[in-house]
C-alpha atoms as a PDB file:
ATOM      1  CA  PRO A   1      -6.315  11.770  29.646  1.00  0.00           C
ATOM      2  CA  LEU A   2      -7.337   8.127  29.890  1.00  0.00           C
ATOM      3  CA  LEU A   3     -10.104   8.776  32.380  1.00  0.00           C
ATOM      4  CA  ARG A   4     -11.495  12.095  30.538  1.00  0.00           C
ATOM      5  CA  ARG A   5     -11.770   9.965  27.346  1.00  0.00           C
ATOM      6  CA  ILE A   6     -13.542   7.364  29.339  1.00  0.00           C
ATOM      7  CA  MET A   7     -15.933   9.744  30.799  1.00  0.00           C
ATOM      8  CA  THR A   8     -16.611  11.599  27.358  1.00  0.00           C
ATOM      9  CA  GLY A   9     -17.417   7.949  26.041  1.00  0.00           C
ATOM     10  CA  LEU A  10     -19.680   7.124  28.885  1.00  0.00           C
ATOM     11  CA  ALA A  11     -21.350  10.612  29.236  1.00  0.00           C
ATOM     12  CA  ASN A  12     -22.903  10.154  25.432  1.00  0.00           C
ATOM     13  CA  ARG A  13     -24.691   6.819  26.489  1.00  0.00           C
ATOM     14  CA  SER A  14     -28.407   6.509  27.617  1.00  0.00           C
ATOM     15  CA  SER A  15     -28.613   2.893  27.892  1.00  0.00           C
ATOM     16  CA  PRO A  16     -26.688   0.259  29.985  1.00  0.00           C
ATOM     17  CA  LEU A  17     -23.584  -1.175  29.505  1.00  0.00           C
ATOM     18  CA  GLU A  18     -23.818  -4.733  28.409  1.00  0.00           C
ATOM     19  CA  ASN A  19     -20.247  -5.556  29.714  1.00  0.00           C
ATOM     20  CA  LEU A  20     -17.296  -3.448  31.228  1.00  0.00           C
ATOM     21  CA  SER A  21     -14.128  -5.251  31.854  1.00  0.00           C
ATOM     22  CA  MET A  22     -11.219  -3.616  33.476  1.00  0.00           C
ATOM     23  CA  SER A  23      -9.193  -6.651  34.191  1.00  0.00           C
ATOM     24  CA  HIS A  24      -6.381  -5.431  32.138  1.00  0.00           C
ATOM     25  CA  CYS A  25      -6.300  -1.936  33.214  1.00  0.00           C
ATOM     26  CA  GLU A  26      -3.502  -0.149  35.643  1.00  0.00           C
ATOM     27  CA  PHE A  27      -5.630   2.774  36.892  1.00  0.00           C
ATOM     28  CA  GLU A  28      -4.629   4.705  40.049  1.00  0.00           C
ATOM     29  CA  ASP A  29      -7.537   4.665  42.828  1.00  0.00           C
ATOM     30  CA  HIS A  30      -8.649   8.048  42.027  1.00  0.00           C
ATOM     31  CA  CYS A  31      -9.589   7.116  38.435  1.00  0.00           C
ATOM     32  CA  VAL A  32     -11.462   4.155  39.621  1.00  0.00           C
ATOM     33  CA  GLU A  33     -12.927   6.091  41.955  1.00  0.00           C
ATOM     34  CA  GLY A  34     -14.199   8.698  38.917  1.00  0.00           C
ATOM     35  CA  ILE A  35     -15.679   6.021  37.021  1.00  0.00           C
ATOM     36  CA  PHE A  36     -17.699   4.693  39.863  1.00  0.00           C
ATOM     37  CA  SER A  37     -18.698   8.049  41.128  1.00  0.00           C
ATOM     38  CA  PHE A  38     -20.123   8.672  37.186  1.00  0.00           C
ATOM     39  CA  PHE A  39     -21.790   5.434  37.370  1.00  0.00           C
ATOM     40  CA  LYS A  40     -23.343   7.011  40.592  1.00  0.00           C
ATOM     41  CA  ASP A  41     -24.488  10.182  39.141  1.00  0.00           C
ATOM     42  CA  LYS A  42     -25.834   8.362  36.024  1.00  0.00           C
ATOM     43  CA  PRO A  43     -27.120   4.723  37.132  1.00  0.00           C
ATOM     44  CA  GLU A  44     -29.016   4.297  33.972  1.00  0.00           C
ATOM     45  CA  ILE A  45     -25.681   3.391  32.144  1.00  0.00           C
ATOM     46  CA  LEU A  46     -24.338   0.837  35.012  1.00  0.00           C
ATOM     47  CA  PRO A  47     -23.042  -2.249  33.334  1.00  0.00           C
ATOM     48  CA  ARG A  48     -24.839  -5.784  33.769  1.00  0.00           C
ATOM     49  CA  LYS A  49     -21.540  -7.552  33.703  1.00  0.00           C
ATOM     50  CA  LEU A  50     -18.186  -6.057  35.297  1.00  0.00           C
ATOM     51  CA  THR A  51     -14.850  -7.442  35.462  1.00  0.00           C
ATOM     52  CA  LEU A  52     -12.161  -6.322  37.583  1.00  0.00           C
ATOM     53  CA  VAL A  53      -8.880  -7.343  38.905  1.00  0.00           C
ATOM     54  CA  SER A  54      -8.178  -6.486  42.622  1.00  0.00           C
ATOM     55  CA  HIS A  55      -5.531  -3.531  41.923  1.00  0.00           C
ATOM     56  CA  CYS A  56      -8.622  -1.884  40.176  1.00  0.00           C
ATOM     57  CA  ILE A  57     -10.717  -1.666  43.092  1.00  0.00           C
ATOM     58  CA  GLY A  58      -8.350   0.160  45.631  1.00  0.00           C
ATOM     59  CA  HIS A  59      -5.533  -1.017  47.889  1.00  0.00           C
ATOM     60  CA  ASP A  60      -4.770  -1.766  51.657  1.00  0.00           C
ATOM     61  CA  ASP A  61      -7.798  -1.116  54.292  1.00  0.00           C
ATOM     62  CA  ASN A  62     -10.161   0.635  51.502  1.00  0.00           C
ATOM     63  CA  ARG A  63     -10.062  -1.832  48.723  1.00  0.00           C
ATOM     64  CA  CYS A  64     -13.679  -2.888  48.425  1.00  0.00           C
ATOM     65  CA  SER A  65     -15.488   0.330  49.398  1.00  0.00           C
ATOM     66  CA  ILE A  66     -16.085   1.346  45.576  1.00  0.00           C
ATOM     67  CA  MET A  67     -17.548  -2.247  44.822  1.00  0.00           C
ATOM     68  CA  THR A  68     -19.683  -2.261  47.966  1.00  0.00           C
ATOM     69  CA  ARG A  69     -20.988   1.587  46.983  1.00  0.00           C
ATOM     70  CA  LEU A  70     -21.794   0.277  43.739  1.00  0.00           C
ATOM     71  CA  LEU A  71     -23.596  -2.574  44.969  1.00  0.00           C
ATOM     72  CA  MET A  72     -25.591  -0.692  47.335  1.00  0.00           C
ATOM     73  CA  CYS A  73     -26.686   1.946  44.641  1.00  0.00           C
ATOM     74  CA  GLN A  74     -30.393   1.366  44.212  1.00  0.00           C
ATOM     75  CA  ALA A  75     -30.423   2.012  40.280  1.00  0.00           C
ATOM     76  CA  CYS A  76     -27.529  -0.744  40.162  1.00  0.00           C
ATOM     77  CA  SER A  77     -28.241  -3.359  37.257  1.00  0.00           C
ATOM     78  CA  LEU A  78     -25.251  -5.254  37.684  1.00  0.00           C
ATOM     79  CA  GLU A  79     -26.238  -9.200  37.362  1.00  0.00           C
ATOM     80  CA  ASP A  80     -22.471 -10.423  37.197  1.00  0.00           C
ATOM     81  CA  LEU A  81     -19.441  -9.230  39.167  1.00  0.00           C
ATOM     82  CA  THR A  82     -16.307 -11.104  38.879  1.00  0.00           C
ATOM     83  CA  ILE A  83     -13.122  -9.815  40.753  1.00  0.00           C
ATOM     84  CA  SER A  84      -9.988 -11.656  39.840  1.00  0.00           C
ATOM     85  CA  ASP A  85      -6.790 -11.938  42.125  1.00  0.00           C
ATOM     86  CA  LEU A  86      -8.764 -10.641  45.321  1.00  0.00           C
ATOM     87  CA  VAL A  87      -8.883 -12.625  48.481  1.00  0.00           C
ATOM     88  CA  PRO A  88     -11.122 -10.525  50.819  1.00  0.00           C
ATOM     89  CA  SER A  89     -10.437 -10.227  54.357  1.00  0.00           C
ATOM     90  CA  ASP A  90     -13.472 -11.418  56.814  1.00  0.00           C
ATOM     91  CA  ASP A  91     -14.287  -7.711  57.284  1.00  0.00           C
ATOM     92  CA  GLU A  92     -14.357  -6.882  53.596  1.00  0.00           C
ATOM     93  CA  MET A  93     -16.645 -10.107  53.039  1.00  0.00           C
ATOM     94  CA  VAL A  94     -18.724  -8.839  55.795  1.00  0.00           C
ATOM     95  CA  ASP A  95     -19.054  -5.290  53.843  1.00  0.00           C
ATOM     96  CA  ILE A  96     -19.557  -6.817  50.887  1.00  0.00           C
ATOM     97  CA  ALA A  97     -22.686  -8.997  52.321  1.00  0.00           C
ATOM     98  CA  THR A  98     -24.063  -5.761  53.822  1.00  0.00           C
ATOM     99  CA  ALA A  99     -23.822  -4.245  50.646  1.00  0.00           C
ATOM    100  CA  LEU A 100     -25.968  -7.095  48.898  1.00  0.00           C
ATOM    101  CA  GLU A 101     -28.658  -7.039  51.418  1.00  0.00           C
ATOM    102  CA  ARG A 102     -30.877  -4.577  49.315  1.00  0.00           C
ATOM    103  CA  ASN A 103     -29.246  -5.431  45.965  1.00  0.00           C
ATOM    104  CA  THR A 104     -31.976  -7.261  43.778  1.00  0.00           C
ATOM    105  CA  THR A 105     -30.132  -7.511  40.510  1.00  0.00           C
ATOM    106  CA  LEU A 106     -26.843  -9.248  41.209  1.00  0.00           C
ATOM    107  CA  LYS A 107     -27.028 -12.984  40.492  1.00  0.00           C
ATOM    108  CA  ARG A 108     -23.342 -13.953  40.038  1.00  0.00           C
ATOM    109  CA  LEU A 109     -20.450 -12.790  42.120  1.00  0.00           C
ATOM    110  CA  MET A 110     -17.249 -14.553  41.369  1.00  0.00           C
ATOM    111  CA  ILE A 111     -14.495 -13.730  44.215  1.00  0.00           C
ATOM    112  CA  ASP A 112     -12.213 -16.021  46.232  1.00  0.00           C
ATOM    113  CA  LEU A 113     -13.825 -17.093  49.533  1.00  0.00           C
ATOM    114  CA  THR A 114     -11.040 -19.792  50.625  1.00  0.00           C
ATOM    115  CA  ASN A 115      -9.605 -17.845  53.634  1.00  0.00           C
ATOM    116  CA  LEU A 116     -12.902 -16.503  55.553  1.00  0.00           C
ATOM    117  CA  ASN A 117     -13.691 -17.501  59.095  1.00  0.00           C
ATOM    118  CA  MET A 118     -16.755 -18.308  60.744  1.00  0.00           C
ATOM    119  CA  ARG A 119     -18.134 -14.759  61.221  1.00  0.00           C
ATOM    120  CA  ALA A 120     -18.023 -14.163  57.336  1.00  0.00           C
ATOM    121  CA  TYR A 121     -19.538 -17.283  56.367  1.00  0.00           C
ATOM    122  CA  ASP A 122     -22.136 -16.442  59.213  1.00  0.00           C
ATOM    123  CA  ARG A 123     -22.901 -12.926  57.543  1.00  0.00           C
ATOM    124  CA  ILE A 124     -23.265 -14.372  54.219  1.00  0.00           C
ATOM    125  CA  ARG A 125     -25.831 -17.261  55.403  1.00  0.00           C
ATOM    126  CA  LEU A 126     -27.798 -14.501  57.297  1.00  0.00           C
ATOM    127  CA  LEU A 127     -27.592 -12.262  53.703  1.00  0.00           C
ATOM    128  CA  LEU A 128     -28.901 -15.528  52.265  1.00  0.00           C
ATOM    129  CA  CYS A 129     -31.282 -16.648  54.583  1.00  0.00           C
ATOM    130  CA  ASP A 130     -32.366 -14.849  57.812  1.00  0.00           C
ATOM    131  CA  THR A 131     -34.174 -17.336  59.613  1.00  0.00           C
ATOM    132  CA  LYS A 132     -35.126 -14.920  62.952  1.00  0.00           C
ATOM    133  CA  ASN A 133     -38.646 -14.477  61.475  1.00  0.00           C
ATOM    134  CA  ILE A 134     -40.594 -14.894  58.345  1.00  0.00           C
ATOM    135  CA  ILE A 135     -40.466 -11.235  57.508  1.00  0.00           C
ATOM    136  CA  ALA A 136     -36.346 -11.286  57.888  1.00  0.00           C
ATOM    137  CA  THR A 137     -36.553 -14.569  55.740  1.00  0.00           C
ATOM    138  CA  TYR A 138     -38.642 -12.900  53.070  1.00  0.00           C
ATOM    139  CA  ASN A 139     -36.409  -9.815  52.663  1.00  0.00           C
ATOM    140  CA  SER A 140     -33.349 -11.850  52.603  1.00  0.00           C
ATOM    141  CA  ASN A 141     -31.160 -11.776  49.343  1.00  0.00           C
ATOM    142  CA  HIS A 142     -33.027 -14.388  47.037  1.00  0.00           C
ATOM    143  CA  THR A 143     -31.199 -12.942  43.742  1.00  0.00           C
ATOM    144  CA  LEU A 144     -27.846 -14.180  44.444  1.00  0.00           C
ATOM    145  CA  GLY A 145     -27.361 -17.654  42.899  1.00  0.00           C
ATOM    146  CA  VAL A 146     -23.415 -18.105  42.241  1.00  0.00           C
ATOM    147  CA  LEU A 147     -20.883 -16.917  45.140  1.00  0.00           C
ATOM    148  CA  GLY A 148     -17.381 -17.733  44.650  1.00  0.00           C
ATOM    149  CA  TYR A 149     -14.980 -20.041  43.009  1.00  0.00           C
ATOM    150  CA  GLU A 150     -15.628 -22.991  45.441  1.00  0.00           C
ATOM    151  CA  MET A 151     -18.031 -22.946  48.089  1.00  0.00           C
ATOM    152  CA  ARG A 152     -17.275 -25.009  51.139  1.00  0.00           C
ATOM    153  CA  ASP A 153     -20.221 -24.232  53.254  1.00  0.00           C
ATOM    154  CA  SER A 154     -23.326 -26.824  52.575  1.00  0.00           C
ATOM    155  CA  LYS A 155     -25.961 -24.000  54.078  1.00  0.00           C
ATOM    156  CA  ILE A 156     -24.706 -21.400  51.952  1.00  0.00           C
ATOM    157  CA  SER A 157     -24.610 -23.926  49.021  1.00  0.00           C
ATOM    158  CA  SER A 158     -28.049 -25.013  49.381  1.00  0.00           C
ATOM    159  CA  TYR A 159     -29.448 -21.251  49.770  1.00  0.00           C
ATOM    160  CA  LEU A 160     -27.623 -20.441  46.396  1.00  0.00           C
ATOM    161  CA  LYS A 161     -29.049 -23.497  44.977  1.00  0.00           C
ATOM    162  CA  LEU A 162     -32.467 -22.293  46.054  1.00  0.00           C
ATOM    163  CA  ASN A 163     -31.924 -18.824  44.705  1.00  0.00           C
ATOM    164  CA  LYS A 164     -31.166 -20.040  41.086  1.00  0.00           C
ATOM    165  CA  LYS A 165     -34.156 -22.542  41.251  1.00  0.00           C
ATOM    166  CA  TYR A 166     -36.798 -20.257  42.593  1.00  0.00           C
ATOM    167  CA  SER A 167     -36.443 -16.736  40.792  1.00  0.00           C
ATOM    168  CA  ASP A 168     -39.807 -15.704  43.237  1.00  0.00           C
ATOM    169  CA  LYS A 169     -38.545 -14.896  46.882  1.00  0.00           C
ATOM    170  CA  ARG A 170     -41.926 -15.626  48.151  1.00  0.00           C
ATOM    171  CA  LEU A 171     -41.548 -19.242  47.077  1.00  0.00           C
ATOM    172  CA  VAL A 172     -38.115 -19.513  48.515  1.00  0.00           C
ATOM    173  CA  ALA A 173     -39.529 -17.675  51.888  1.00  0.00           C
ATOM    174  CA  ALA A 174     -42.288 -20.484  52.031  1.00  0.00           C
END
């Protein structure tokens, strides 16, 4: 019944939601899947700001799949994503970084990065500034300006600062 009421409310919208917070909700995984499937079918109402708690985005091995699918959606207008109480595994963070490769709207991703290994940090560095050639650097993600609650990697911190300072990716690539 709750999911049906949410879907009915969303179906009547024609403009993007400004903010969607699911931080105090206890939804089953299929309900969250239903909400995000709805956004995929009606991308013009995707929220600009989304707040989730870890139990809202799935459990066990598949808990980041909903979020990564949302970030990969071409019509995604999400600018600010906060996921409380989620410490992603290295594989999940690699999946999130991969999902952000073509995302041009997300400016702020608040997620706990304290327990990542070098492989995950390397993938994040590559996402923000792929230096294998000038085209790869140009096509890197130059939108994301804030990542995590505390950044311990100085290269990633400097890439994020550049992204915040220069919104034009031609300047960052230069």
